[in-house]
């Protein structure tokens, strides 16, 4: 069984989806939810489902003497970023090589990098007149949204789609595919 930590900053729909997906898994245990925001609704979702939570400040996130014991206390072997906004410090990437993955709400390398999160991404997709959008799951590297791509899923767009329509179409892809991609990556690590 691989214990994972889910890092979140917001409402936590993907976090809850992951927890529910792995509730009865023999492969993955959602052992901890970490947020940089005490008011993130993801923490409420996790607590309701019986998953321990922790809130860390930016300074704590960047302090190996804080984060590593926290993750070790829960036997964390893999980290999933599900709407986590702060950059992951390089010491964590070094401690968890190819064991930190991120969900990005666009088809990287387009619409990635600093400032490209949440609605900002969908607004950029709309402004560019894209005929499709999608989600990308990638390994985390020291470069924001620059890690090796693991999987991408696409959905067509129409010119009449609003930014909210684009966001909803992309979110449906996340709900459908993200837990299975996480499971596949972790299963392959265990071989």
N, C-alpha and C. Protein backbone atom coordinates (compact mmCIF):
# COMPACT_ATOMS: atom_id res chain seq x y z
N UNK A 1 0.86 -1.19 0.00
CA UNK A 1 0.00 0.00 0.00
C UNK A 1 0.90 1.24 0.00
N UNK A 2 0.66 2.15 -0.92
CA UNK A 2 1.42 3.39 -1.02
C UNK A 2 0.60 4.52 -0.40
N UNK A 3 1.14 5.14 0.64
CA UNK A 3 0.47 6.28 1.28
C UNK A 3 0.80 7.55 0.51
N UNK A 4 -0.27 8.29 0.15
CA UNK A 4 -0.07 9.52 -0.59
C UNK A 4 -0.56 10.72 0.22
N UNK A 5 0.05 11.86 -0.08
CA UNK A 5 -0.44 13.14 0.43
C UNK A 5 -1.00 13.90 -0.76
N UNK A 6 -2.15 14.50 -0.56
CA UNK A 6 -2.76 15.35 -1.59
C UNK A 6 -2.58 16.79 -1.13
N UNK A 7 -1.93 17.60 -1.96
CA UNK A 7 -1.71 19.01 -1.66
C UNK A 7 -2.77 19.82 -2.41
N UNK A 8 -3.47 20.70 -1.70
CA UNK A 8 -4.57 21.48 -2.28
C UNK A 8 -4.55 22.92 -1.77
N UNK A 9 -5.17 23.81 -2.55
CA UNK A 9 -5.32 25.20 -2.12
C UNK A 9 -6.76 25.67 -2.11
N UNK A 10 -7.65 24.92 -2.74
CA UNK A 10 -9.00 25.44 -2.94
C UNK A 10 -10.11 24.56 -2.43
N UNK A 11 -11.16 24.45 -3.26
CA UNK A 11 -12.39 23.79 -2.82
C UNK A 11 -12.25 22.27 -2.70
N UNK A 12 -11.36 21.68 -3.47
CA UNK A 12 -11.04 20.28 -3.25
C UNK A 12 -11.91 19.24 -3.94
N UNK A 13 -12.53 19.58 -5.06
CA UNK A 13 -13.34 18.57 -5.74
C UNK A 13 -12.46 17.41 -6.22
N UNK A 14 -11.27 17.71 -6.73
CA UNK A 14 -10.37 16.65 -7.15
C UNK A 14 -9.84 15.87 -5.96
N UNK A 15 -9.58 16.56 -4.88
CA UNK A 15 -9.13 15.92 -3.65
C UNK A 15 -10.18 14.90 -3.18
N UNK A 16 -11.42 15.32 -3.10
CA UNK A 16 -12.49 14.42 -2.67
C UNK A 16 -12.64 13.26 -3.65
N UNK A 17 -12.54 13.54 -4.94
CA UNK A 17 -12.65 12.50 -5.95
C UNK A 17 -11.55 11.45 -5.77
N UNK A 18 -10.33 11.89 -5.48
CA UNK A 18 -9.22 10.96 -5.24
C UNK A 18 -9.47 10.13 -3.98
N UNK A 19 -9.87 10.79 -2.90
CA UNK A 19 -10.12 10.07 -1.65
C UNK A 19 -11.19 9.00 -1.86
N UNK A 20 -12.27 9.36 -2.52
CA UNK A 20 -13.36 8.40 -2.75
C UNK A 20 -12.90 7.26 -3.68
N UNK A 21 -12.11 7.60 -4.69
CA UNK A 21 -11.62 6.58 -5.63
C UNK A 21 -10.78 5.53 -4.92
N UNK A 22 -9.97 5.97 -3.95
CA UNK A 22 -9.03 5.06 -3.29
C UNK A 22 -9.53 4.52 -1.94
N UNK A 23 -10.79 4.79 -1.60
CA UNK A 23 -11.33 4.37 -0.30
C UNK A 23 -11.12 2.89 0.00
N UNK A 24 -11.29 2.05 -0.99
CA UNK A 24 -11.19 0.61 -0.77
C UNK A 24 -10.06 0.00 -1.60
N UNK A 25 -9.05 0.81 -1.91
CA UNK A 25 -7.94 0.37 -2.75
C UNK A 25 -6.94 -0.47 -1.97
N UNK A 26 -6.34 -1.43 -2.66
CA UNK A 26 -5.23 -2.20 -2.09
C UNK A 26 -3.89 -1.60 -2.51
N UNK A 27 -3.95 -0.56 -3.35
CA UNK A 27 -2.74 0.02 -3.93
C UNK A 27 -2.39 1.35 -3.28
N UNK A 28 -3.40 2.21 -3.10
CA UNK A 28 -3.17 3.59 -2.66
C UNK A 28 -4.00 3.90 -1.42
N UNK A 29 -3.36 4.58 -0.48
CA UNK A 29 -4.07 5.09 0.70
C UNK A 29 -3.89 6.60 0.74
N UNK A 30 -5.00 7.34 0.75
CA UNK A 30 -4.92 8.79 0.90
C UNK A 30 -4.72 9.04 2.40
N UNK A 31 -3.47 9.30 2.77
CA UNK A 31 -3.10 9.35 4.18
C UNK A 31 -3.11 10.75 4.77
N UNK A 32 -3.02 11.78 3.91
CA UNK A 32 -2.89 13.15 4.41
C UNK A 32 -3.30 14.13 3.32
N UNK A 33 -4.01 15.19 3.73
CA UNK A 33 -4.30 16.31 2.84
C UNK A 33 -3.62 17.53 3.42
N UNK A 34 -2.81 18.19 2.61
CA UNK A 34 -2.03 19.36 3.03
C UNK A 34 -2.51 20.56 2.24
N UNK A 35 -2.74 21.68 2.94
CA UNK A 35 -3.13 22.91 2.25
C UNK A 35 -2.28 24.07 2.75
N UNK A 36 -2.10 25.03 1.88
CA UNK A 36 -1.44 26.27 2.24
C UNK A 36 -2.45 27.31 2.73
N UNK A 37 -3.74 26.93 2.74
CA UNK A 37 -4.79 27.86 3.16
C UNK A 37 -5.69 27.20 4.21
N UNK A 38 -5.79 27.83 5.35
CA UNK A 38 -6.62 27.29 6.43
C UNK A 38 -8.10 27.29 6.07
N UNK A 39 -8.49 28.16 5.13
CA UNK A 39 -9.90 28.25 4.74
C UNK A 39 -10.23 27.43 3.50
N UNK A 40 -9.31 26.59 3.04
CA UNK A 40 -9.57 25.76 1.85
C UNK A 40 -10.66 24.74 2.18
N UNK A 41 -11.71 24.72 1.39
CA UNK A 41 -12.82 23.80 1.64
C UNK A 41 -12.38 22.35 1.47
N UNK A 42 -11.28 22.14 0.77
CA UNK A 42 -10.73 20.79 0.62
C UNK A 42 -10.47 20.15 1.99
N UNK A 43 -10.08 20.96 2.97
CA UNK A 43 -9.81 20.44 4.31
C UNK A 43 -11.08 19.89 4.94
N UNK A 44 -12.19 20.58 4.73
CA UNK A 44 -13.49 20.11 5.25
C UNK A 44 -13.86 18.80 4.55
N UNK A 45 -13.69 18.75 3.24
CA UNK A 45 -14.01 17.53 2.49
C UNK A 45 -13.19 16.35 3.02
N UNK A 46 -11.89 16.58 3.22
CA UNK A 46 -11.01 15.50 3.69
C UNK A 46 -11.42 15.03 5.09
N UNK A 47 -11.68 15.99 6.00
CA UNK A 47 -12.05 15.64 7.37
C UNK A 47 -13.35 14.84 7.39
N UNK A 48 -14.31 15.23 6.55
CA UNK A 48 -15.58 14.50 6.46
C UNK A 48 -15.38 13.05 6.02
N UNK A 49 -14.33 12.82 5.25
CA UNK A 49 -14.04 11.47 4.75
C UNK A 49 -12.99 10.76 5.61
N UNK A 50 -12.65 11.36 6.74
CA UNK A 50 -11.75 10.71 7.69
C UNK A 50 -10.28 10.75 7.35
N UNK A 51 -9.88 11.69 6.49
CA UNK A 51 -8.47 11.80 6.13
C UNK A 51 -7.84 12.95 6.93
N UNK A 52 -6.72 12.70 7.62
CA UNK A 52 -6.05 13.75 8.38
C UNK A 52 -5.64 14.92 7.48
N UNK A 53 -5.60 16.11 8.07
CA UNK A 53 -5.23 17.31 7.32
C UNK A 53 -4.16 18.10 8.05
N UNK A 54 -3.46 18.92 7.29
CA UNK A 54 -2.45 19.82 7.85
C UNK A 54 -2.45 21.11 7.03
N UNK A 55 -2.26 22.22 7.70
CA UNK A 55 -2.13 23.52 7.04
C UNK A 55 -0.69 23.97 7.22
N UNK A 56 -0.05 24.35 6.13
CA UNK A 56 1.34 24.82 6.19
C UNK A 56 1.45 26.19 5.55
N UNK A 57 2.22 27.05 6.18
CA UNK A 57 2.49 28.36 5.62
C UNK A 57 3.53 28.22 4.50
N UNK A 58 3.74 29.29 3.76
CA UNK A 58 4.76 29.27 2.71
C UNK A 58 6.13 28.99 3.33
N UNK A 59 6.41 29.62 4.47
CA UNK A 59 7.70 29.41 5.14
C UNK A 59 7.86 27.95 5.57
N UNK A 60 6.77 27.36 6.07
CA UNK A 60 6.83 25.95 6.49
C UNK A 60 7.01 25.02 5.29
N UNK A 61 6.32 25.31 4.20
CA UNK A 61 6.45 24.51 2.99
C UNK A 61 7.91 24.50 2.52
N UNK A 62 8.56 25.64 2.64
CA UNK A 62 9.94 25.76 2.18
C UNK A 62 10.98 25.30 3.21
N UNK A 63 10.52 24.80 4.34
CA UNK A 63 11.41 24.36 5.42
C UNK A 63 11.40 22.83 5.51
N UNK A 64 12.49 22.21 5.09
CA UNK A 64 12.57 20.74 5.12
C UNK A 64 12.40 20.20 6.54
N UNK A 65 12.84 20.96 7.54
CA UNK A 65 12.72 20.50 8.93
C UNK A 65 11.28 20.48 9.42
N UNK A 66 10.39 21.14 8.70
CA UNK A 66 8.96 21.09 9.02
C UNK A 66 8.25 20.03 8.16
N UNK A 67 8.48 20.11 6.86
CA UNK A 67 7.72 19.27 5.93
C UNK A 67 8.12 17.79 5.96
N UNK A 68 9.41 17.53 6.01
CA UNK A 68 9.81 16.12 5.95
C UNK A 68 9.30 15.32 7.15
N UNK A 69 9.42 15.83 8.39
CA UNK A 69 8.83 15.08 9.51
C UNK A 69 7.31 14.92 9.38
N UNK A 70 6.63 15.96 8.89
CA UNK A 70 5.18 15.86 8.70
C UNK A 70 4.85 14.71 7.75
N UNK A 71 5.53 14.67 6.61
CA UNK A 71 5.26 13.62 5.62
C UNK A 71 5.70 12.25 6.14
N UNK A 72 6.80 12.21 6.87
CA UNK A 72 7.27 10.94 7.43
C UNK A 72 6.29 10.40 8.48
N UNK A 73 5.66 11.28 9.24
CA UNK A 73 4.70 10.85 10.26
C UNK A 73 3.54 10.06 9.65
N UNK A 74 3.23 10.34 8.40
CA UNK A 74 2.13 9.66 7.71
C UNK A 74 2.65 8.65 6.68
N UNK A 75 3.96 8.36 6.73
CA UNK A 75 4.59 7.39 5.83
C UNK A 75 4.32 7.72 4.36
N UNK A 76 4.34 9.00 4.03
CA UNK A 76 4.04 9.45 2.66
C UNK A 76 5.15 9.00 1.71
N UNK A 77 4.73 8.37 0.61
CA UNK A 77 5.66 7.89 -0.41
C UNK A 77 5.44 8.56 -1.76
N UNK A 78 4.35 9.34 -1.86
CA UNK A 78 3.98 9.94 -3.14
C UNK A 78 3.13 11.16 -2.85
N UNK A 79 3.30 12.21 -3.65
CA UNK A 79 2.56 13.46 -3.46
C UNK A 79 1.79 13.79 -4.73
N UNK A 80 0.51 14.12 -4.55
CA UNK A 80 -0.35 14.51 -5.67
C UNK A 80 -0.78 15.96 -5.46
N UNK A 81 -0.48 16.81 -6.42
CA UNK A 81 -0.93 18.20 -6.37
C UNK A 81 -2.26 18.28 -7.11
N UNK A 82 -3.29 18.71 -6.39
CA UNK A 82 -4.64 18.79 -6.96
C UNK A 82 -5.16 20.20 -6.72
N UNK A 83 -4.64 21.14 -7.51
CA UNK A 83 -5.02 22.53 -7.32
C UNK A 83 -4.21 23.18 -6.20
N UNK A 84 -2.93 22.86 -6.12
CA UNK A 84 -2.04 23.46 -5.12
C UNK A 84 -1.25 24.56 -5.81
N UNK A 85 -1.37 25.79 -5.31
CA UNK A 85 -0.81 26.93 -6.03
C UNK A 85 0.66 27.23 -5.77
N UNK A 86 1.17 27.08 -4.54
CA UNK A 86 2.60 27.41 -4.34
C UNK A 86 3.52 26.48 -5.13
N UNK A 87 4.67 27.01 -5.50
CA UNK A 87 5.69 26.18 -6.15
C UNK A 87 6.24 25.19 -5.13
N UNK A 88 6.50 23.99 -5.58
CA UNK A 88 7.06 22.96 -4.71
C UNK A 88 8.57 23.22 -4.60
N UNK A 89 9.08 23.29 -3.37
CA UNK A 89 10.51 23.56 -3.21
C UNK A 89 11.37 22.40 -3.72
N UNK A 90 12.57 22.73 -4.18
CA UNK A 90 13.42 21.73 -4.82
C UNK A 90 13.80 20.59 -3.87
N UNK A 91 13.91 20.85 -2.57
CA UNK A 91 14.27 19.75 -1.67
C UNK A 91 13.21 18.66 -1.68
N UNK A 92 11.93 19.03 -1.82
CA UNK A 92 10.86 18.01 -1.89
C UNK A 92 10.95 17.22 -3.18
N UNK A 93 11.26 17.91 -4.28
CA UNK A 93 11.42 17.22 -5.57
C UNK A 93 12.59 16.23 -5.48
N UNK A 94 13.64 16.61 -4.78
CA UNK A 94 14.80 15.73 -4.61
C UNK A 94 14.46 14.51 -3.74
N UNK A 95 13.67 14.72 -2.69
CA UNK A 95 13.31 13.64 -1.78
C UNK A 95 12.29 12.69 -2.42
N UNK A 96 11.45 13.23 -3.30
CA UNK A 96 10.42 12.43 -3.97
C UNK A 96 10.63 12.46 -5.49
N UNK A 97 11.75 11.92 -5.98
CA UNK A 97 12.00 11.98 -7.43
C UNK A 97 10.95 11.18 -8.20
N UNK A 98 10.32 11.84 -9.18
CA UNK A 98 9.27 11.23 -10.00
C UNK A 98 8.15 10.64 -9.12
N UNK A 99 7.97 11.27 -7.96
CA UNK A 99 6.93 10.85 -7.03
C UNK A 99 6.06 12.03 -6.59
N UNK A 100 6.14 13.11 -7.37
CA UNK A 100 5.23 14.25 -7.18
C UNK A 100 4.63 14.54 -8.55
N UNK A 101 3.30 14.49 -8.61
CA UNK A 101 2.65 14.80 -9.88
C UNK A 101 1.64 15.91 -9.68
N UNK A 102 1.38 16.61 -10.77
CA UNK A 102 0.49 17.76 -10.74
C UNK A 102 -0.58 17.62 -11.82
N UNK A 103 -1.74 18.13 -11.51
CA UNK A 103 -2.83 18.24 -12.47
C UNK A 103 -2.88 19.69 -12.94
N UNK A 104 -2.81 19.90 -14.26
CA UNK A 104 -2.90 21.26 -14.82
C UNK A 104 -4.13 21.33 -15.72
N UNK A 105 -4.95 22.40 -15.59
CA UNK A 105 -6.22 22.47 -16.32
C UNK A 105 -6.11 23.00 -17.75
N UNK A 106 -5.09 22.55 -18.47
CA UNK A 106 -4.93 22.91 -19.88
C UNK A 106 -3.99 21.90 -20.52
N UNK A 107 -3.86 22.01 -21.82
CA UNK A 107 -2.97 21.12 -22.56
C UNK A 107 -1.58 21.75 -22.61
N UNK A 108 -0.74 21.38 -21.66
CA UNK A 108 0.63 21.90 -21.66
C UNK A 108 1.34 21.42 -22.91
N UNK A 109 2.29 22.18 -23.44
CA UNK A 109 2.92 23.35 -22.82
C UNK A 109 2.15 24.66 -22.97
N UNK A 110 1.04 24.65 -23.72
CA UNK A 110 0.25 25.88 -23.82
C UNK A 110 -0.37 26.21 -22.47
N UNK A 111 -0.51 27.47 -22.17
CA UNK A 111 -1.26 27.95 -21.02
C UNK A 111 -0.73 27.41 -19.69
N UNK A 112 0.59 27.36 -19.58
CA UNK A 112 1.22 26.94 -18.34
C UNK A 112 2.15 28.02 -17.82
N UNK A 113 2.71 27.79 -16.65
CA UNK A 113 3.68 28.70 -16.07
C UNK A 113 3.08 29.64 -15.05
N UNK A 114 3.87 30.58 -14.63
CA UNK A 114 3.47 31.51 -13.57
C UNK A 114 2.17 32.24 -13.92
N UNK A 115 1.26 32.25 -12.97
CA UNK A 115 -0.01 32.94 -13.14
C UNK A 115 -1.07 32.14 -13.88
N UNK A 116 -0.70 30.98 -14.41
CA UNK A 116 -1.65 30.16 -15.16
C UNK A 116 -2.25 29.09 -14.25
N UNK A 117 -3.30 29.49 -13.57
CA UNK A 117 -4.02 28.56 -12.70
C UNK A 117 -5.49 28.93 -12.71
N UNK A 118 -6.34 27.94 -12.41
CA UNK A 118 -7.77 28.18 -12.28
C UNK A 118 -8.37 28.89 -13.47
N UNK A 119 -9.19 29.89 -13.16
CA UNK A 119 -9.93 30.61 -14.20
C UNK A 119 -9.00 31.34 -15.17
N UNK A 120 -7.80 31.72 -14.70
CA UNK A 120 -6.84 32.41 -15.58
C UNK A 120 -6.53 31.55 -16.81
N UNK A 121 -6.42 30.24 -16.58
CA UNK A 121 -6.11 29.33 -17.68
C UNK A 121 -7.27 29.30 -18.68
N UNK A 122 -8.48 29.15 -18.16
CA UNK A 122 -9.65 29.04 -19.05
C UNK A 122 -9.90 30.35 -19.80
N UNK A 123 -9.63 31.48 -19.15
CA UNK A 123 -9.74 32.79 -19.82
C UNK A 123 -8.74 32.88 -20.97
N UNK A 124 -7.53 32.38 -20.74
CA UNK A 124 -6.49 32.42 -21.79
C UNK A 124 -6.87 31.50 -22.95
N UNK A 125 -7.44 30.34 -22.65
CA UNK A 125 -7.88 29.41 -23.69
C UNK A 125 -8.97 30.08 -24.55
N UNK A 126 -9.92 30.72 -23.90
CA UNK A 126 -11.01 31.42 -24.61
C UNK A 126 -10.45 32.55 -25.47
N UNK A 127 -9.57 33.36 -24.87
CA UNK A 127 -9.00 34.50 -25.59
C UNK A 127 -8.20 34.07 -26.82
N UNK A 128 -7.60 32.88 -26.74
CA UNK A 128 -6.79 32.38 -27.86
C UNK A 128 -7.66 31.75 -28.94
N UNK A 129 -8.96 31.59 -28.67
CA UNK A 129 -9.85 31.00 -29.67
C UNK A 129 -9.56 29.53 -29.94
N UNK A 130 -9.11 28.82 -28.93
CA UNK A 130 -8.77 27.40 -29.10
C UNK A 130 -9.99 26.56 -29.48
N UNK A 131 -9.77 25.53 -30.28
CA UNK A 131 -10.86 24.63 -30.67
C UNK A 131 -10.98 23.44 -29.73
N UNK A 132 -10.02 23.32 -28.83
CA UNK A 132 -10.07 22.27 -27.82
C UNK A 132 -9.32 22.73 -26.58
N UNK A 133 -9.63 22.08 -25.47
CA UNK A 133 -8.87 22.26 -24.24
C UNK A 133 -8.72 20.90 -23.62
N UNK A 134 -8.16 20.87 -22.44
CA UNK A 134 -7.99 19.58 -21.80
C UNK A 134 -7.23 19.71 -20.50
N UNK A 135 -6.82 18.55 -20.01
CA UNK A 135 -6.07 18.50 -18.76
C UNK A 135 -4.76 17.78 -19.01
N UNK A 136 -3.78 18.14 -18.21
CA UNK A 136 -2.46 17.52 -18.29
C UNK A 136 -2.06 17.04 -16.90
N UNK A 137 -1.57 15.83 -16.82
CA UNK A 137 -0.95 15.34 -15.59
C UNK A 137 0.54 15.23 -15.90
N UNK A 138 1.35 15.84 -15.03
CA UNK A 138 2.79 15.84 -15.29
C UNK A 138 3.58 15.68 -13.99
N UNK A 139 4.82 15.20 -14.14
CA UNK A 139 5.72 15.16 -13.00
C UNK A 139 6.11 16.59 -12.64
N UNK A 140 6.32 16.83 -11.36
CA UNK A 140 6.72 18.16 -10.92
C UNK A 140 8.23 18.27 -11.03
N UNK A 141 8.66 19.39 -11.60
CA UNK A 141 10.08 19.70 -11.74
C UNK A 141 10.30 21.10 -11.15
N UNK A 142 11.55 21.53 -11.06
CA UNK A 142 11.78 22.89 -10.53
C UNK A 142 11.19 23.99 -11.42
N UNK A 143 10.84 23.68 -12.67
CA UNK A 143 10.25 24.66 -13.57
C UNK A 143 8.72 24.57 -13.48
N UNK A 144 8.06 25.67 -13.20
CA UNK A 144 6.61 25.70 -13.06
C UNK A 144 5.93 25.12 -14.31
N UNK A 145 5.15 24.05 -14.13
CA UNK A 145 4.44 23.36 -15.22
C UNK A 145 5.38 22.83 -16.29
N UNK A 146 6.65 22.62 -15.93
CA UNK A 146 7.63 22.19 -16.92
C UNK A 146 8.04 20.74 -16.87
N UNK A 147 7.47 19.96 -15.95
CA UNK A 147 7.86 18.56 -15.81
C UNK A 147 7.33 17.68 -16.92
N UNK A 148 7.92 16.51 -17.03
CA UNK A 148 7.54 15.54 -18.07
C UNK A 148 6.04 15.22 -18.01
N UNK A 149 5.41 15.25 -19.17
CA UNK A 149 3.98 14.97 -19.25
C UNK A 149 3.73 13.47 -19.14
N UNK A 150 2.78 13.11 -18.27
CA UNK A 150 2.39 11.72 -18.06
C UNK A 150 1.18 11.37 -18.93
N UNK A 151 0.17 12.24 -18.92
CA UNK A 151 -1.06 11.98 -19.67
C UNK A 151 -1.76 13.29 -19.98
N UNK A 152 -2.47 13.31 -21.10
CA UNK A 152 -3.32 14.44 -21.46
C UNK A 152 -4.65 13.91 -21.98
N UNK A 153 -5.71 14.64 -21.67
CA UNK A 153 -7.04 14.30 -22.14
C UNK A 153 -7.66 15.57 -22.71
N UNK A 154 -8.36 15.43 -23.82
CA UNK A 154 -8.85 16.59 -24.58
C UNK A 154 -10.37 16.60 -24.67
N UNK A 155 -10.90 17.80 -24.86
CA UNK A 155 -12.32 17.96 -25.11
C UNK A 155 -12.50 19.10 -26.12
N UNK A 156 -13.41 18.94 -27.08
CA UNK A 156 -13.60 19.99 -28.08
C UNK A 156 -14.32 21.21 -27.47
N UNK A 157 -14.03 22.36 -28.06
CA UNK A 157 -14.69 23.60 -27.67
C UNK A 157 -15.42 24.17 -28.88
N UNK A 158 -16.46 24.92 -28.61
CA UNK A 158 -17.13 25.64 -29.69
C UNK A 158 -16.92 27.13 -29.47
N UNK A 159 -17.00 27.93 -30.53
CA UNK A 159 -16.78 29.37 -30.38
C UNK A 159 -17.76 30.02 -29.40
N UNK A 160 -18.92 29.40 -29.19
CA UNK A 160 -19.91 29.99 -28.28
C UNK A 160 -19.66 29.64 -26.82
N UNK A 161 -18.72 28.74 -26.54
CA UNK A 161 -18.43 28.37 -25.15
C UNK A 161 -17.93 29.58 -24.38
N UNK A 162 -18.50 29.78 -23.20
CA UNK A 162 -18.02 30.83 -22.30
C UNK A 162 -16.83 30.30 -21.51
N UNK A 163 -16.18 31.17 -20.77
CA UNK A 163 -15.08 30.75 -19.91
C UNK A 163 -15.59 29.71 -18.91
N UNK A 164 -16.78 29.91 -18.37
CA UNK A 164 -17.36 28.94 -17.44
C UNK A 164 -17.64 27.61 -18.13
N UNK A 165 -18.09 27.63 -19.38
CA UNK A 165 -18.31 26.39 -20.14
C UNK A 165 -16.99 25.64 -20.32
N UNK A 166 -15.96 26.38 -20.66
CA UNK A 166 -14.63 25.77 -20.85
C UNK A 166 -14.17 25.14 -19.55
N UNK A 167 -14.33 25.86 -18.45
CA UNK A 167 -13.92 25.35 -17.14
C UNK A 167 -14.67 24.07 -16.80
N UNK A 168 -15.96 24.05 -17.07
CA UNK A 168 -16.78 22.87 -16.75
C UNK A 168 -16.38 21.67 -17.61
N UNK A 169 -16.16 21.89 -18.89
CA UNK A 169 -15.74 20.79 -19.77
C UNK A 169 -14.41 20.20 -19.31
N UNK A 170 -13.49 21.08 -18.97
CA UNK A 170 -12.17 20.60 -18.52
C UNK A 170 -12.30 19.88 -17.19
N UNK A 171 -13.13 20.40 -16.29
CA UNK A 171 -13.31 19.79 -14.97
C UNK A 171 -13.89 18.38 -15.08
N UNK A 172 -14.78 18.18 -16.04
CA UNK A 172 -15.33 16.84 -16.25
C UNK A 172 -14.24 15.84 -16.62
N UNK A 173 -13.26 16.29 -17.40
CA UNK A 173 -12.12 15.43 -17.73
C UNK A 173 -11.35 15.06 -16.46
N UNK A 174 -11.14 16.06 -15.59
CA UNK A 174 -10.42 15.80 -14.34
C UNK A 174 -11.13 14.74 -13.51
N UNK A 175 -12.44 14.89 -13.35
CA UNK A 175 -13.22 13.96 -12.54
C UNK A 175 -13.14 12.54 -13.11
N UNK A 176 -13.16 12.45 -14.42
CA UNK A 176 -13.16 11.15 -15.07
C UNK A 176 -11.80 10.48 -15.07
N UNK A 177 -10.73 11.24 -15.32
CA UNK A 177 -9.43 10.63 -15.61
C UNK A 177 -8.38 10.73 -14.51
N UNK A 178 -8.39 11.77 -13.70
CA UNK A 178 -7.28 12.01 -12.78
C UNK A 178 -7.03 10.85 -11.82
N UNK A 179 -8.05 10.32 -11.14
CA UNK A 179 -7.78 9.22 -10.21
C UNK A 179 -7.15 8.00 -10.89
N UNK A 180 -7.59 7.70 -12.10
CA UNK A 180 -7.03 6.53 -12.81
C UNK A 180 -5.57 6.77 -13.21
N UNK A 181 -5.23 8.00 -13.57
CA UNK A 181 -3.83 8.30 -13.92
C UNK A 181 -2.96 8.17 -12.67
N UNK A 182 -3.42 8.70 -11.54
CA UNK A 182 -2.67 8.59 -10.29
C UNK A 182 -2.46 7.11 -9.96
N UNK A 183 -3.52 6.32 -10.06
CA UNK A 183 -3.43 4.89 -9.75
C UNK A 183 -2.44 4.17 -10.66
N UNK A 184 -2.47 4.52 -11.96
CA UNK A 184 -1.57 3.89 -12.92
C UNK A 184 -0.11 4.22 -12.62
N UNK A 185 0.18 5.50 -12.33
CA UNK A 185 1.55 5.92 -12.04
C UNK A 185 2.07 5.21 -10.79
N UNK A 186 1.25 5.15 -9.76
CA UNK A 186 1.68 4.52 -8.51
C UNK A 186 1.81 3.01 -8.69
N UNK A 187 0.91 2.40 -9.42
CA UNK A 187 1.00 0.95 -9.68
C UNK A 187 2.30 0.61 -10.41
N UNK A 188 2.68 1.44 -11.37
CA UNK A 188 3.92 1.20 -12.13
C UNK A 188 5.14 1.37 -11.23
N UNK A 189 5.08 2.28 -10.27
CA UNK A 189 6.20 2.47 -9.33
C UNK A 189 6.40 1.23 -8.46
N UNK A 190 5.31 0.56 -8.16
CA UNK A 190 5.35 -0.58 -7.24
C UNK A 190 5.89 -1.85 -7.90
N UNK A 191 6.01 -1.85 -9.22
CA UNK A 191 6.47 -3.06 -9.94
C UNK A 191 7.95 -3.32 -9.70
